[in-house]
């Protein structure tokens, strides 16, 4: 078991190593849609690439989610398979958002032997999501 400080140091090293191996600027929060972002997540059981749709207004949140659901077949056939769609995902804070993600199970940040596998997963899946978004962002943004 790692202490809290050791865990923080290991996670920091993980992200620095990832940035060194894949030195590019990821889109992440720069989608030009408020509260619509791409995220990386890793713990000791899984790695995930995520789209979070977080507007406080449920109508707006659901409209963006519905746009992505409308593009589900294109996304699956041309960009990335095995996405999980959850319209009403509850965060630990209790806030309800919409989340779409793909995950790789059986990997963990605390085992350096998995790092390259996680990095490749992150690069492949996030790159696919970004390419999809860049092609369909005008459609996604138009919720009026």
N, C-alpha and C. Protein backbone atom coordinates (compact mmCIF):
# COMPACT_ATOMS: atom_id res chain seq x y z
N UNK A 1 0.83 -1.18 0.00
CA UNK A 1 0.00 0.00 0.00
C UNK A 1 0.88 1.25 0.00
N UNK A 2 0.43 2.22 -0.74
CA UNK A 2 1.15 3.48 -0.81
C UNK A 2 0.54 4.48 0.19
N UNK A 3 1.39 5.36 0.72
CA UNK A 3 0.88 6.45 1.53
C UNK A 3 0.21 7.46 0.60
N UNK A 4 -0.52 8.39 1.18
CA UNK A 4 -1.20 9.41 0.36
C UNK A 4 -0.18 10.19 -0.46
N UNK A 5 0.94 10.54 0.15
CA UNK A 5 1.99 11.29 -0.55
C UNK A 5 2.60 10.47 -1.68
N UNK A 6 2.86 9.19 -1.42
CA UNK A 6 3.43 8.31 -2.45
C UNK A 6 2.46 8.14 -3.61
N UNK A 7 1.18 8.02 -3.30
CA UNK A 7 0.16 7.88 -4.33
C UNK A 7 0.11 9.14 -5.20
N UNK A 8 0.14 10.32 -4.57
CA UNK A 8 0.13 11.57 -5.33
C UNK A 8 1.37 11.68 -6.21
N UNK A 9 2.52 11.32 -5.69
CA UNK A 9 3.77 11.37 -6.46
C UNK A 9 3.70 10.41 -7.66
N UNK A 10 3.19 9.22 -7.42
CA UNK A 10 3.07 8.23 -8.49
C UNK A 10 2.12 8.72 -9.59
N UNK A 11 0.98 9.28 -9.20
CA UNK A 11 0.03 9.80 -10.18
C UNK A 11 0.62 10.96 -10.97
N UNK A 12 1.34 11.83 -10.28
CA UNK A 12 2.00 12.95 -10.97
C UNK A 12 3.01 12.41 -11.99
N UNK A 13 3.79 11.42 -11.57
CA UNK A 13 4.77 10.81 -12.48
C UNK A 13 4.07 10.14 -13.67
N UNK A 14 2.95 9.49 -13.41
CA UNK A 14 2.18 8.86 -14.49
C UNK A 14 1.80 9.90 -15.55
N UNK A 15 1.22 11.03 -15.10
CA UNK A 15 0.74 12.03 -16.06
C UNK A 15 1.90 12.73 -16.77
N UNK A 16 3.00 12.95 -16.09
CA UNK A 16 4.18 13.54 -16.73
C UNK A 16 4.73 12.58 -17.78
N UNK A 17 4.80 11.32 -17.45
CA UNK A 17 5.29 10.31 -18.40
C UNK A 17 4.37 10.24 -19.62
N UNK A 18 3.06 10.27 -19.39
CA UNK A 18 2.11 10.26 -20.50
C UNK A 18 2.32 11.47 -21.40
N UNK A 19 2.47 12.65 -20.80
CA UNK A 19 2.68 13.88 -21.58
C UNK A 19 3.99 13.82 -22.36
N UNK A 20 5.01 13.20 -21.80
CA UNK A 20 6.29 13.06 -22.51
C UNK A 20 6.17 12.10 -23.69
N UNK A 21 5.43 11.02 -23.51
CA UNK A 21 5.27 10.02 -24.59
C UNK A 21 4.35 10.51 -25.70
N UNK A 22 3.35 11.30 -25.34
CA UNK A 22 2.37 11.81 -26.31
C UNK A 22 2.30 13.33 -26.17
N UNK A 23 3.35 14.01 -26.65
CA UNK A 23 3.43 15.47 -26.46
C UNK A 23 2.57 16.23 -27.46
N UNK A 24 1.32 16.31 -27.15
CA UNK A 24 0.40 17.08 -27.98
C UNK A 24 -0.62 17.76 -27.09
N UNK A 25 -1.29 18.73 -27.64
CA UNK A 25 -2.33 19.42 -26.88
C UNK A 25 -3.65 18.72 -27.15
N UNK A 26 -4.22 18.15 -26.10
CA UNK A 26 -5.51 17.49 -26.21
C UNK A 26 -6.62 18.53 -26.11
N UNK A 27 -7.75 18.26 -26.72
CA UNK A 27 -8.87 19.19 -26.71
C UNK A 27 -9.42 19.37 -25.29
N UNK A 28 -9.72 18.30 -24.61
CA UNK A 28 -10.25 18.26 -23.26
C UNK A 28 -11.36 19.29 -23.01
N UNK A 29 -11.07 20.43 -22.40
CA UNK A 29 -12.11 21.41 -22.08
C UNK A 29 -12.32 22.43 -23.19
N UNK A 30 -11.53 22.38 -24.23
CA UNK A 30 -11.57 23.39 -25.29
C UNK A 30 -12.52 22.98 -26.43
N UNK A 31 -13.77 22.66 -26.06
CA UNK A 31 -14.74 22.20 -27.06
C UNK A 31 -15.60 23.32 -27.63
N UNK A 32 -15.49 24.50 -27.04
CA UNK A 32 -16.32 25.66 -27.40
C UNK A 32 -17.79 25.46 -27.02
N UNK A 33 -18.05 24.46 -26.18
CA UNK A 33 -19.37 24.26 -25.59
C UNK A 33 -19.19 24.29 -24.08
N UNK A 34 -19.93 25.18 -23.42
CA UNK A 34 -19.81 25.30 -21.97
C UNK A 34 -20.25 24.00 -21.30
N UNK A 35 -19.43 23.53 -20.37
CA UNK A 35 -19.73 22.32 -19.59
C UNK A 35 -19.82 21.05 -20.44
N UNK A 36 -19.05 20.99 -21.52
CA UNK A 36 -18.97 19.82 -22.40
C UNK A 36 -17.49 19.54 -22.58
N UNK A 37 -16.99 18.42 -22.02
CA UNK A 37 -15.55 18.20 -22.03
C UNK A 37 -15.17 16.74 -22.23
N UNK A 38 -13.94 16.57 -22.63
CA UNK A 38 -13.32 15.26 -22.78
C UNK A 38 -12.37 15.07 -21.61
N UNK A 39 -12.31 13.86 -21.07
CA UNK A 39 -11.46 13.62 -19.90
C UNK A 39 -10.78 12.26 -19.98
N UNK A 40 -9.60 12.21 -19.37
CA UNK A 40 -8.90 10.96 -19.11
C UNK A 40 -9.16 10.60 -17.65
N UNK A 41 -9.30 9.30 -17.38
CA UNK A 41 -9.45 8.86 -15.99
C UNK A 41 -8.72 7.53 -15.83
N UNK A 42 -8.01 7.39 -14.72
CA UNK A 42 -7.37 6.12 -14.42
C UNK A 42 -7.36 5.94 -12.90
N UNK A 43 -7.58 4.69 -12.47
CA UNK A 43 -7.43 4.34 -11.06
C UNK A 43 -6.70 2.99 -11.03
N UNK A 44 -6.90 2.21 -10.01
CA UNK A 44 -6.18 0.94 -9.93
C UNK A 44 -6.95 -0.25 -10.49
N UNK A 45 -8.06 0.01 -11.17
CA UNK A 45 -8.85 -1.07 -11.77
C UNK A 45 -9.11 -0.86 -13.25
N UNK A 46 -9.05 0.42 -13.70
CA UNK A 46 -9.46 0.71 -15.07
C UNK A 46 -8.89 2.04 -15.55
N UNK A 47 -8.94 2.19 -16.86
CA UNK A 47 -8.64 3.47 -17.51
C UNK A 47 -9.85 3.81 -18.36
N UNK A 48 -10.20 5.10 -18.42
CA UNK A 48 -11.36 5.53 -19.19
C UNK A 48 -11.03 6.80 -19.98
N UNK A 49 -11.67 6.89 -21.14
CA UNK A 49 -11.71 8.13 -21.91
C UNK A 49 -13.18 8.52 -21.92
N UNK A 50 -13.46 9.77 -21.53
CA UNK A 50 -14.82 10.17 -21.17
C UNK A 50 -15.23 11.45 -21.90
N UNK A 51 -16.52 11.52 -22.24
CA UNK A 51 -17.16 12.78 -22.60
C UNK A 51 -18.13 13.08 -21.47
N UNK A 52 -17.93 14.21 -20.81
CA UNK A 52 -18.87 14.65 -19.76
C UNK A 52 -19.68 15.83 -20.27
N UNK A 53 -20.98 15.73 -20.10
CA UNK A 53 -21.92 16.79 -20.48
C UNK A 53 -22.56 17.26 -19.17
N UNK A 54 -22.18 18.49 -18.74
CA UNK A 54 -22.50 18.90 -17.38
C UNK A 54 -23.31 20.18 -17.20
N UNK A 55 -24.02 20.67 -18.21
CA UNK A 55 -24.82 21.89 -17.96
C UNK A 55 -25.78 21.67 -16.79
N UNK A 56 -25.96 22.71 -15.99
CA UNK A 56 -26.89 22.63 -14.85
C UNK A 56 -28.33 22.47 -15.32
N UNK A 57 -28.63 23.04 -16.47
CA UNK A 57 -29.97 22.96 -17.04
C UNK A 57 -30.15 21.58 -17.67
N UNK A 58 -31.06 20.78 -17.13
CA UNK A 58 -31.28 19.42 -17.64
C UNK A 58 -31.68 19.41 -19.11
N UNK A 59 -32.47 20.39 -19.53
CA UNK A 59 -32.91 20.45 -20.93
C UNK A 59 -31.71 20.60 -21.87
N UNK A 60 -30.78 21.46 -21.51
CA UNK A 60 -29.57 21.66 -22.32
C UNK A 60 -28.71 20.41 -22.31
N UNK A 61 -28.51 19.85 -21.13
CA UNK A 61 -27.70 18.63 -20.99
C UNK A 61 -28.29 17.50 -21.84
N UNK A 62 -29.58 17.31 -21.74
CA UNK A 62 -30.24 16.24 -22.49
C UNK A 62 -30.19 16.50 -24.00
N UNK A 63 -30.24 17.75 -24.41
CA UNK A 63 -30.18 18.08 -25.84
C UNK A 63 -28.81 17.69 -26.41
N UNK A 64 -27.74 18.00 -25.70
CA UNK A 64 -26.40 17.60 -26.17
C UNK A 64 -26.25 16.08 -26.18
N UNK A 65 -26.75 15.44 -25.12
CA UNK A 65 -26.69 13.99 -25.06
C UNK A 65 -27.44 13.37 -26.23
N UNK A 66 -28.64 13.89 -26.53
CA UNK A 66 -29.44 13.37 -27.63
C UNK A 66 -28.72 13.52 -28.98
N UNK A 67 -27.97 14.62 -29.14
CA UNK A 67 -27.20 14.82 -30.37
C UNK A 67 -26.17 13.71 -30.53
N UNK A 68 -25.49 13.37 -29.44
CA UNK A 68 -24.48 12.31 -29.52
C UNK A 68 -25.12 10.94 -29.73
N UNK A 69 -26.27 10.72 -29.13
CA UNK A 69 -26.99 9.46 -29.36
C UNK A 69 -27.40 9.38 -30.83
N UNK A 70 -27.81 10.50 -31.43
CA UNK A 70 -28.20 10.51 -32.85
C UNK A 70 -27.02 10.13 -33.75
N UNK A 71 -25.81 10.40 -33.28
CA UNK A 71 -24.60 10.09 -34.06
C UNK A 71 -23.96 8.76 -33.64
N UNK A 72 -24.65 8.01 -32.80
CA UNK A 72 -24.10 6.79 -32.20
C UNK A 72 -23.59 5.79 -33.25
N UNK A 73 -24.37 5.55 -34.29
CA UNK A 73 -23.95 4.57 -35.30
C UNK A 73 -22.70 5.03 -36.04
N UNK A 74 -22.63 6.30 -36.38
CA UNK A 74 -21.45 6.85 -37.05
C UNK A 74 -20.25 6.74 -36.13
N UNK A 75 -20.43 7.13 -34.90
CA UNK A 75 -19.35 7.08 -33.92
C UNK A 75 -18.84 5.65 -33.76
N UNK A 76 -19.75 4.71 -33.65
CA UNK A 76 -19.39 3.30 -33.47
C UNK A 76 -18.75 2.71 -34.73
N UNK A 77 -19.28 3.01 -35.89
CA UNK A 77 -18.79 2.41 -37.13
C UNK A 77 -17.49 3.02 -37.63
N UNK A 78 -17.31 4.33 -37.41
CA UNK A 78 -16.18 5.02 -38.03
C UNK A 78 -15.09 5.48 -37.08
N UNK A 79 -15.39 5.57 -35.78
CA UNK A 79 -14.42 6.18 -34.88
C UNK A 79 -14.04 5.31 -33.68
N UNK A 80 -15.02 4.89 -32.92
CA UNK A 80 -14.71 4.20 -31.66
C UNK A 80 -15.86 3.28 -31.26
N UNK A 81 -15.53 2.06 -30.95
CA UNK A 81 -16.54 1.06 -30.58
C UNK A 81 -16.63 0.95 -29.05
N UNK A 82 -17.66 0.28 -28.61
CA UNK A 82 -17.82 -0.08 -27.19
C UNK A 82 -18.01 1.11 -26.25
N UNK A 83 -18.58 2.19 -26.75
CA UNK A 83 -18.88 3.32 -25.87
C UNK A 83 -20.09 3.00 -25.00
N UNK A 84 -20.06 3.48 -23.78
CA UNK A 84 -21.18 3.34 -22.85
C UNK A 84 -21.85 4.71 -22.76
N UNK A 85 -23.16 4.74 -22.92
CA UNK A 85 -23.93 5.99 -22.87
C UNK A 85 -24.79 5.98 -21.62
N UNK A 86 -24.63 7.00 -20.78
CA UNK A 86 -25.47 7.10 -19.60
C UNK A 86 -26.00 8.53 -19.50
N UNK A 87 -27.28 8.68 -19.76
CA UNK A 87 -27.89 10.02 -19.79
C UNK A 87 -27.94 10.66 -18.41
N UNK A 88 -28.18 9.88 -17.39
CA UNK A 88 -28.27 10.41 -16.02
C UNK A 88 -27.24 9.70 -15.14
N UNK A 89 -26.02 10.18 -15.22
CA UNK A 89 -24.90 9.62 -14.46
C UNK A 89 -24.72 10.49 -13.21
N UNK A 90 -24.66 9.86 -12.05
CA UNK A 90 -24.52 10.61 -10.80
C UNK A 90 -23.07 10.58 -10.33
N UNK A 91 -22.49 11.77 -10.19
CA UNK A 91 -21.13 11.90 -9.67
C UNK A 91 -21.12 11.66 -8.17
N UNK A 92 -19.93 11.43 -7.60
CA UNK A 92 -19.81 11.25 -6.15
C UNK A 92 -20.37 12.45 -5.38
N UNK A 93 -20.30 13.62 -6.00
CA UNK A 93 -20.81 14.84 -5.36
C UNK A 93 -22.34 14.88 -5.30
N UNK A 94 -22.98 13.96 -6.05
CA UNK A 94 -24.44 13.94 -6.11
C UNK A 94 -25.00 14.64 -7.34
N UNK A 95 -24.14 15.36 -8.07
CA UNK A 95 -24.57 16.06 -9.28
C UNK A 95 -24.86 15.05 -10.39
N UNK A 96 -25.95 15.28 -11.12
CA UNK A 96 -26.30 14.44 -12.25
C UNK A 96 -25.80 15.09 -13.54
N UNK A 97 -25.05 14.30 -14.30
CA UNK A 97 -24.54 14.73 -15.60
C UNK A 97 -24.88 13.66 -16.61
N UNK A 98 -24.52 13.89 -17.87
CA UNK A 98 -24.58 12.83 -18.88
C UNK A 98 -23.13 12.47 -19.18
N UNK A 99 -22.88 11.18 -19.34
CA UNK A 99 -21.51 10.72 -19.56
C UNK A 99 -21.51 9.64 -20.63
N UNK A 100 -20.52 9.73 -21.49
CA UNK A 100 -20.26 8.71 -22.51
C UNK A 100 -18.80 8.33 -22.34
N UNK A 101 -18.52 7.04 -22.29
CA UNK A 101 -17.14 6.64 -22.05
C UNK A 101 -16.83 5.29 -22.66
N UNK A 102 -15.53 5.04 -22.77
CA UNK A 102 -14.99 3.75 -23.15
C UNK A 102 -13.94 3.43 -22.10
N UNK A 103 -13.83 2.14 -21.73
CA UNK A 103 -12.89 1.82 -20.67
C UNK A 103 -12.08 0.57 -20.98
N UNK A 104 -10.94 0.51 -20.34
CA UNK A 104 -10.08 -0.66 -20.39
C UNK A 104 -9.97 -1.15 -18.95
N UNK A 105 -10.47 -2.35 -18.71
CA UNK A 105 -10.46 -2.92 -17.37
C UNK A 105 -9.17 -3.72 -17.14
N UNK A 106 -8.85 -3.95 -15.88
CA UNK A 106 -7.71 -4.79 -15.53
C UNK A 106 -6.36 -4.10 -15.63
N UNK A 107 -6.37 -2.77 -15.64
CA UNK A 107 -5.11 -2.01 -15.62
C UNK A 107 -5.16 -1.06 -14.44
N UNK A 108 -3.99 -0.60 -14.00
CA UNK A 108 -3.98 0.31 -12.87
C UNK A 108 -2.80 1.24 -12.87
N UNK A 109 -3.02 2.42 -12.34
CA UNK A 109 -1.98 3.45 -12.31
C UNK A 109 -0.84 3.06 -11.38
N UNK A 110 -1.10 2.29 -10.34
CA UNK A 110 -0.04 1.97 -9.38
C UNK A 110 0.91 0.89 -9.86
N UNK A 111 0.59 0.23 -10.97
CA UNK A 111 1.48 -0.79 -11.54
C UNK A 111 2.10 -0.24 -12.83
N UNK A 112 3.36 0.12 -12.75
CA UNK A 112 4.05 0.71 -13.90
C UNK A 112 4.05 -0.19 -15.13
N UNK A 113 3.90 -1.48 -14.93
CA UNK A 113 3.87 -2.41 -16.06
C UNK A 113 2.67 -2.15 -16.98
N UNK A 114 1.63 -1.50 -16.46
CA UNK A 114 0.45 -1.19 -17.26
C UNK A 114 0.52 0.18 -17.93
N UNK A 115 1.46 0.99 -17.57
CA UNK A 115 1.47 2.36 -18.04
C UNK A 115 1.45 2.47 -19.56
N UNK A 116 2.30 1.72 -20.26
CA UNK A 116 2.31 1.82 -21.73
C UNK A 116 0.97 1.40 -22.32
N UNK A 117 0.36 0.38 -21.76
CA UNK A 117 -0.96 -0.07 -22.23
C UNK A 117 -1.99 1.03 -22.03
N UNK A 118 -1.96 1.67 -20.88
CA UNK A 118 -2.90 2.76 -20.59
C UNK A 118 -2.65 3.93 -21.52
N UNK A 119 -1.37 4.30 -21.70
CA UNK A 119 -1.03 5.42 -22.57
C UNK A 119 -1.52 5.17 -24.00
N UNK A 120 -1.31 3.96 -24.51
CA UNK A 120 -1.77 3.64 -25.86
C UNK A 120 -3.29 3.70 -25.95
N UNK A 121 -3.97 3.18 -24.94
CA UNK A 121 -5.43 3.25 -24.88
C UNK A 121 -5.89 4.70 -24.88
N UNK A 122 -5.32 5.52 -24.01
CA UNK A 122 -5.68 6.94 -23.95
C UNK A 122 -5.47 7.61 -25.30
N UNK A 123 -4.32 7.41 -25.90
CA UNK A 123 -4.01 8.07 -27.16
C UNK A 123 -4.97 7.64 -28.27
N UNK A 124 -5.17 6.34 -28.40
CA UNK A 124 -6.04 5.83 -29.47
C UNK A 124 -7.49 6.32 -29.30
N UNK A 125 -8.03 6.17 -28.11
CA UNK A 125 -9.45 6.48 -27.90
C UNK A 125 -9.72 7.99 -27.88
N UNK A 126 -8.86 8.76 -27.22
CA UNK A 126 -9.08 10.20 -27.19
C UNK A 126 -8.90 10.80 -28.58
N UNK A 127 -7.91 10.32 -29.31
CA UNK A 127 -7.71 10.80 -30.67
C UNK A 127 -8.95 10.52 -31.52
N UNK A 128 -9.54 9.34 -31.39
CA UNK A 128 -10.74 8.99 -32.14
C UNK A 128 -11.91 9.90 -31.75
N UNK A 129 -12.08 10.15 -30.46
CA UNK A 129 -13.18 11.03 -30.02
C UNK A 129 -12.98 12.46 -30.53
N UNK A 130 -11.75 12.93 -30.50
CA UNK A 130 -11.48 14.28 -30.98
C UNK A 130 -11.73 14.40 -32.49
N UNK A 131 -11.30 13.40 -33.25
CA UNK A 131 -11.55 13.43 -34.70
C UNK A 131 -13.04 13.44 -34.99
N UNK A 132 -13.79 12.61 -34.27
CA UNK A 132 -15.25 12.59 -34.40
C UNK A 132 -15.82 13.97 -34.08
N UNK A 133 -15.41 14.54 -32.97
CA UNK A 133 -15.95 15.83 -32.55
C UNK A 133 -15.63 16.93 -33.57
N UNK A 134 -14.41 16.94 -34.06
CA UNK A 134 -14.03 17.97 -35.03
C UNK A 134 -14.86 17.87 -36.31
N UNK A 135 -15.26 16.66 -36.67
CA UNK A 135 -16.08 16.48 -37.87
C UNK A 135 -17.54 16.84 -37.64
N UNK A 136 -18.05 16.63 -36.44
CA UNK A 136 -19.49 16.80 -36.18
C UNK A 136 -19.81 17.90 -35.17
N UNK A 137 -18.84 18.74 -34.80
CA UNK A 137 -19.09 19.74 -33.76
C UNK A 137 -20.19 20.73 -34.13
N UNK A 138 -20.28 21.12 -35.40
CA UNK A 138 -21.35 22.07 -35.78
C UNK A 138 -22.72 21.47 -35.52
N UNK A 139 -22.91 20.20 -35.85
CA UNK A 139 -24.18 19.52 -35.59
C UNK A 139 -24.43 19.43 -34.09
N UNK A 140 -23.41 19.04 -33.32
CA UNK A 140 -23.56 18.87 -31.88
C UNK A 140 -23.91 20.20 -31.21
N UNK A 141 -23.23 21.27 -31.61
CA UNK A 141 -23.44 22.59 -30.99
C UNK A 141 -24.82 23.17 -31.25
N UNK A 142 -25.45 22.78 -32.35
CA UNK A 142 -26.73 23.36 -32.76
C UNK A 142 -27.89 22.68 -32.05
N UNK A 143 -28.19 23.14 -30.83
CA UNK A 143 -29.28 22.52 -30.05
C UNK A 143 -30.53 23.39 -29.99
N UNK A 144 -30.54 24.49 -30.71
CA UNK A 144 -31.70 25.38 -30.66
C UNK A 144 -32.77 25.02 -31.66
